[in-house]
Protein backbone atom coordinates (compact mmCIF):
# COMPACT_ATOMS: atom_id res chain seq x y z
CA MET A 1 -32.68 1.21 -10.81
CA GLN A 2 -29.98 3.84 -11.31
CA GLY A 3 -29.16 6.91 -13.38
CA ASP A 4 -31.23 9.59 -15.07
CA GLY A 5 -32.81 9.81 -18.49
CA PRO A 6 -34.87 7.47 -20.67
CA ALA A 7 -35.42 4.03 -19.13
CA LEU A 8 -33.44 1.01 -20.34
CA LEU A 9 -34.53 -2.40 -19.05
CA LEU A 10 -31.72 -4.99 -19.02
CA LEU A 11 -32.67 -8.68 -19.24
CA ASN A 12 -29.88 -11.07 -18.41
CA GLY A 13 -28.50 -14.37 -19.66
CA LEU A 14 -28.35 -17.82 -18.09
CA THR A 15 -26.90 -17.83 -14.56
CA ARG A 16 -26.05 -14.12 -14.81
CA PRO A 17 -26.78 -11.87 -11.79
CA LEU A 18 -27.48 -8.20 -12.25
CA GLU A 19 -23.84 -7.40 -11.34
CA SER A 20 -22.79 -8.80 -14.71
CA TRP A 21 -24.26 -5.68 -16.35
CA GLU A 22 -21.72 -3.40 -14.67
CA PRO A 23 -19.35 -3.11 -17.69
CA VAL A 24 -22.31 -2.15 -19.90
CA ALA A 25 -23.71 0.25 -17.31
CA ARG A 26 -20.35 2.03 -17.07
CA GLU A 27 -20.41 2.67 -20.81
CA LEU A 28 -23.96 4.04 -20.84
CA ARG A 29 -24.67 7.72 -20.34
CA GLY A 30 -27.94 9.55 -19.77
CA ARG A 31 -30.02 6.45 -19.05
CA THR A 32 -32.12 5.20 -16.19
CA ILE A 33 -31.01 1.58 -15.94
CA ILE A 34 -33.43 -1.03 -14.65
CA SER A 35 -32.18 -4.55 -14.00
CA PHE A 36 -33.09 -7.44 -11.72
CA ASP A 37 -32.08 -10.98 -10.86
CA ALA A 38 -34.23 -13.59 -12.56
CA PRO A 39 -35.84 -16.18 -10.24
CA GLY A 40 -33.17 -18.57 -8.98
CA VAL A 41 -30.31 -16.30 -10.02
CA GLY A 42 -28.19 -13.99 -7.89
CA ARG A 43 -30.12 -12.82 -4.85
CA SER A 44 -33.52 -13.83 -6.19
CA PRO A 45 -35.09 -16.89 -4.53
CA THR A 46 -35.45 -20.07 -6.55
CA PRO A 47 -39.07 -20.86 -7.43
CA VAL A 48 -40.54 -24.26 -6.59
CA LEU A 49 -41.42 -24.81 -10.25
CA PRO A 50 -39.71 -23.44 -13.37
CA LEU A 51 -41.03 -20.24 -14.91
CA SER A 52 -41.77 -20.27 -18.62
CA ILE A 53 -40.44 -17.55 -20.91
CA PRO A 54 -43.90 -15.90 -21.09
CA GLN A 55 -44.02 -15.90 -17.28
CA MET A 56 -40.58 -14.27 -17.17
CA ALA A 57 -41.83 -11.63 -19.61
CA ARG A 58 -44.74 -10.90 -17.28
CA LEU A 59 -42.25 -10.65 -14.43
CA ALA A 60 -40.32 -8.03 -16.44
CA THR A 61 -43.55 -6.11 -16.98
CA GLY A 62 -44.12 -6.23 -13.24
CA VAL A 63 -40.67 -4.74 -12.65
CA LEU A 64 -41.59 -1.84 -14.95
CA ASP A 65 -44.82 -1.40 -13.00
CA GLU A 66 -43.00 -1.38 -9.67
CA THR A 67 -40.52 1.24 -10.87
CA GLY A 68 -43.27 3.43 -12.31
CA VAL A 69 -42.02 3.13 -15.90
CA ASP A 70 -44.67 2.95 -18.61
CA THR A 71 -42.38 2.41 -21.60
CA ALA A 72 -38.70 1.46 -21.78
CA ASP A 73 -36.04 0.53 -24.26
CA VAL A 74 -35.20 -3.14 -23.68
CA LEU A 75 -31.85 -4.91 -24.03
CA GLY A 76 -31.99 -8.69 -23.81
CA PHE A 77 -28.75 -10.67 -23.66
CA SER A 78 -28.67 -14.40 -24.49
CA HIS A 79 -31.45 -16.03 -22.41
CA GLY A 80 -32.70 -12.52 -21.64
CA GLY A 81 -33.08 -11.99 -25.38
CA ALA A 82 -35.76 -14.68 -25.40
CA VAL A 83 -37.60 -12.88 -22.60
CA ALA A 84 -37.21 -9.60 -24.50
CA GLN A 85 -38.74 -11.09 -27.67
CA GLN A 86 -41.68 -12.42 -25.67
CA LEU A 87 -42.11 -9.08 -23.91
CA ALA A 88 -42.16 -7.22 -27.23
CA VAL A 89 -45.00 -9.36 -28.57
CA ASP A 90 -46.98 -9.72 -25.32
CA ALA A 91 -46.70 -6.10 -24.14
CA PRO A 92 -45.74 -4.04 -27.20
CA THR A 93 -46.81 -0.74 -25.65
CA ARG A 94 -44.22 -1.20 -22.89
CA VAL A 95 -41.25 -1.62 -25.25
CA ARG A 96 -40.08 1.48 -27.10
CA ARG A 97 -37.06 -0.05 -28.82
CA LEU A 98 -35.69 -3.57 -28.66
CA VAL A 99 -32.03 -4.69 -28.68
CA LEU A 100 -31.37 -8.43 -28.96
CA ALA A 101 -27.77 -9.38 -28.14
CA SER A 102 -26.19 -12.84 -28.51
CA THR A 103 -29.57 -14.54 -28.61
CA SER A 104 -31.75 -16.81 -30.74
CA CYS A 105 -35.29 -17.93 -31.50
CA GLY A 106 -35.10 -20.88 -29.06
CA ILE A 107 -36.38 -24.14 -30.55
CA GLY A 108 -35.27 -24.25 -34.17
CA ALA A 109 -32.08 -22.29 -33.53
CA SER A 110 -28.63 -23.34 -34.74
CA PRO A 111 -27.05 -25.14 -31.76
CA GLY A 112 -23.86 -23.96 -30.14
CA SER A 113 -20.85 -25.82 -28.79
CA GLN A 114 -21.48 -27.74 -25.57
CA ASP A 115 -17.99 -26.90 -24.36
CA ALA A 116 -18.67 -23.21 -24.94
CA LEU A 117 -21.56 -23.32 -22.47
CA ARG A 118 -18.97 -23.11 -19.71
CA SER A 119 -18.44 -19.50 -20.71
CA LEU A 120 -21.91 -18.77 -19.38
CA LEU A 121 -20.61 -19.14 -15.83
CA PRO A 122 -19.30 -16.06 -14.02
CA PRO A 123 -15.58 -15.44 -14.58
CA SER A 124 -13.36 -16.71 -11.77
CA GLY A 125 -12.31 -13.19 -10.80
CA ALA A 126 -15.87 -11.96 -10.29
CA ARG A 127 -16.02 -12.80 -6.58
CA ALA A 128 -18.76 -10.25 -5.98
CA TRP A 129 -21.16 -12.32 -8.09
CA PRO A 130 -23.40 -14.68 -6.12
CA ARG A 131 -22.74 -18.33 -6.97
CA PRO A 132 -25.29 -19.67 -9.49
CA ASP A 133 -28.00 -21.83 -7.94
CA ALA A 134 -28.07 -25.29 -9.53
CA VAL A 135 -31.86 -25.58 -9.47
CA GLY A 136 -32.34 -22.03 -10.70
CA THR A 137 -29.95 -22.72 -13.58
CA LEU A 138 -31.83 -25.92 -14.45
CA TRP A 139 -35.13 -24.01 -14.44
CA GLN A 140 -33.69 -21.48 -16.90
CA PHE A 141 -32.49 -24.25 -19.22
CA LEU A 142 -35.90 -25.92 -19.11
CA ALA A 143 -37.61 -22.64 -19.94
CA ILE A 144 -35.51 -21.88 -23.01
CA SER A 145 -35.50 -25.50 -24.23
CA SER A 146 -39.31 -25.55 -24.46
CA TRP A 147 -39.79 -22.14 -26.10
CA SER A 148 -39.60 -20.74 -29.61
CA SER A 149 -40.24 -17.29 -31.04
CA ILE A 150 -40.46 -18.52 -34.65
CA PRO A 151 -44.29 -18.46 -34.63
CA PHE A 152 -44.47 -14.78 -33.62
CA LEU A 153 -41.29 -13.06 -34.85
CA GLY A 154 -43.19 -11.62 -37.79
CA ALA A 155 -45.69 -10.03 -35.39
CA ILE A 156 -43.08 -7.93 -33.57
CA ARG A 157 -43.62 -4.30 -34.55
CA THR A 158 -41.13 -2.75 -32.12
CA PRO A 159 -38.08 -1.19 -33.83
CA THR A 160 -35.41 -3.85 -33.32
CA LEU A 161 -31.62 -4.02 -33.41
CA VAL A 162 -29.93 -7.43 -33.43
CA VAL A 163 -26.30 -7.46 -32.21
CA HIS A 164 -24.08 -10.54 -32.36
CA GLY A 165 -20.42 -11.47 -32.02
CA ILE A 166 -19.00 -13.21 -35.09
CA ARG A 167 -16.98 -15.57 -32.84
CA ASP A 168 -19.94 -16.64 -30.71
CA ARG A 169 -19.74 -20.41 -30.08
CA VAL A 170 -22.57 -20.52 -27.54
CA VAL A 171 -25.22 -19.01 -29.83
CA PRO A 172 -23.79 -19.19 -33.37
CA PRO A 173 -24.06 -16.00 -35.47
CA ALA A 174 -26.45 -17.69 -37.92
CA ASN A 175 -29.14 -17.22 -35.28
CA SER A 176 -28.87 -13.45 -35.49
CA THR A 177 -29.58 -13.62 -39.21
CA VAL A 178 -32.79 -15.55 -38.55
CA LEU A 179 -33.97 -12.91 -36.08
CA ALA A 180 -33.05 -9.99 -38.33
CA GLN A 181 -34.76 -11.54 -41.35
CA ARG A 182 -37.97 -12.52 -39.56
CA ILE A 183 -38.56 -9.43 -37.41
CA PRO A 184 -40.00 -6.72 -39.70
CA GLY A 185 -37.55 -3.87 -40.22
CA ALA A 186 -34.92 -5.28 -37.85
CA ARG A 187 -31.30 -4.16 -38.25
CA LEU A 188 -28.30 -6.46 -37.75
CA VAL A 189 -24.89 -5.41 -36.43
CA THR A 190 -22.06 -7.93 -36.04
CA LEU A 191 -19.11 -7.33 -33.75
CA PRO A 192 -15.59 -8.84 -33.64
CA ALA A 193 -16.37 -10.64 -30.38
CA GLY A 194 -17.60 -13.90 -28.90
CA HIS A 195 -20.78 -14.60 -26.97
CA ASP A 196 -20.15 -12.49 -23.91
CA LEU A 197 -20.88 -8.94 -25.01
CA GLN A 198 -21.34 -7.93 -21.36
CA ARG A 199 -17.67 -8.07 -20.39
CA ALA A 200 -15.28 -5.14 -20.43
CA GLY A 201 -14.15 -4.50 -24.00
CA PRO A 202 -17.07 -6.11 -25.85
CA ALA A 203 -19.41 -4.09 -23.62
CA GLY A 204 -18.06 -0.90 -25.16
CA SER A 205 -18.71 -2.26 -28.65
CA LEU A 206 -22.22 -3.33 -27.68
CA VAL A 207 -23.06 0.09 -26.27
CA GLY A 208 -21.46 1.75 -29.30
CA ALA A 209 -23.75 -0.25 -31.59
CA MET A 210 -26.82 0.44 -29.45
CA GLU A 211 -26.55 4.14 -28.76
CA PRO A 212 -27.22 5.52 -32.29
CA PHE A 213 -30.20 3.17 -32.59
CA LEU A 214 -31.68 4.15 -29.24
CA ALA A 215 -30.88 7.86 -29.56
CA ALA A 216 -32.54 8.06 -32.98
CA ARG A 217 -35.87 7.35 -31.34
CA LEU A 218 -35.27 10.06 -28.78
CA ARG A 219 -34.57 12.60 -31.55
CA SER A 220 -37.54 11.33 -33.59
CA GLU A 221 -35.16 10.45 -36.43
CA PRO A 222 -34.80 7.19 -38.36
CA PRO A 223 -32.08 4.96 -36.89
CA LEU A 224 -28.67 5.12 -38.52
CA VAL A 225 -26.84 1.85 -37.86
CA LYS A 226 -23.90 0.56 -39.86
CA VAL A 227 -24.11 -3.15 -40.60
């Protein structure tokens, strides 16, 4: 937990430790940033059995409890976007605004390129990142492969922004359209980027798309987002 201002909970993608949020965190201003390593990722111990997406959402709620935050804006990236969707429907009073980046509905989603999955691994230059745990990574894959938000997307009432790179080969852009069409009132912003909106460069575009949406709530004004 770092910074000052309204709370923003960051939920990460497959194999990604909390350090991977650093480019995004550098672009953010006036926010209390809350992030954590998912079980089996980074410095978090690997559980004996895989956690389901609903269990991970409850874990996120527990992190908010531990930090004394009642309500937060939530940004879910890739796998973390699944957890964010589940959190929004299971604990709607804890999520003020929802940003879904480079993510999908799970089962029923348009599949990505198998080769592109390699881009989910930490970049070779990121030596500060803990090496992904093989079992922890498998547990994450099992969780997302047995989950779908299609049955409840229409029940999400949290103001939602969907952000996606038009060159995403891991989670094809068609998936963002599904989310934006099925979540009531959701807005869609596409960026000239690939899957990894966390890295330097795309991170600035992601934050640039998010900030008007999040700040509108703080000013009690309707969001103004260009699609």
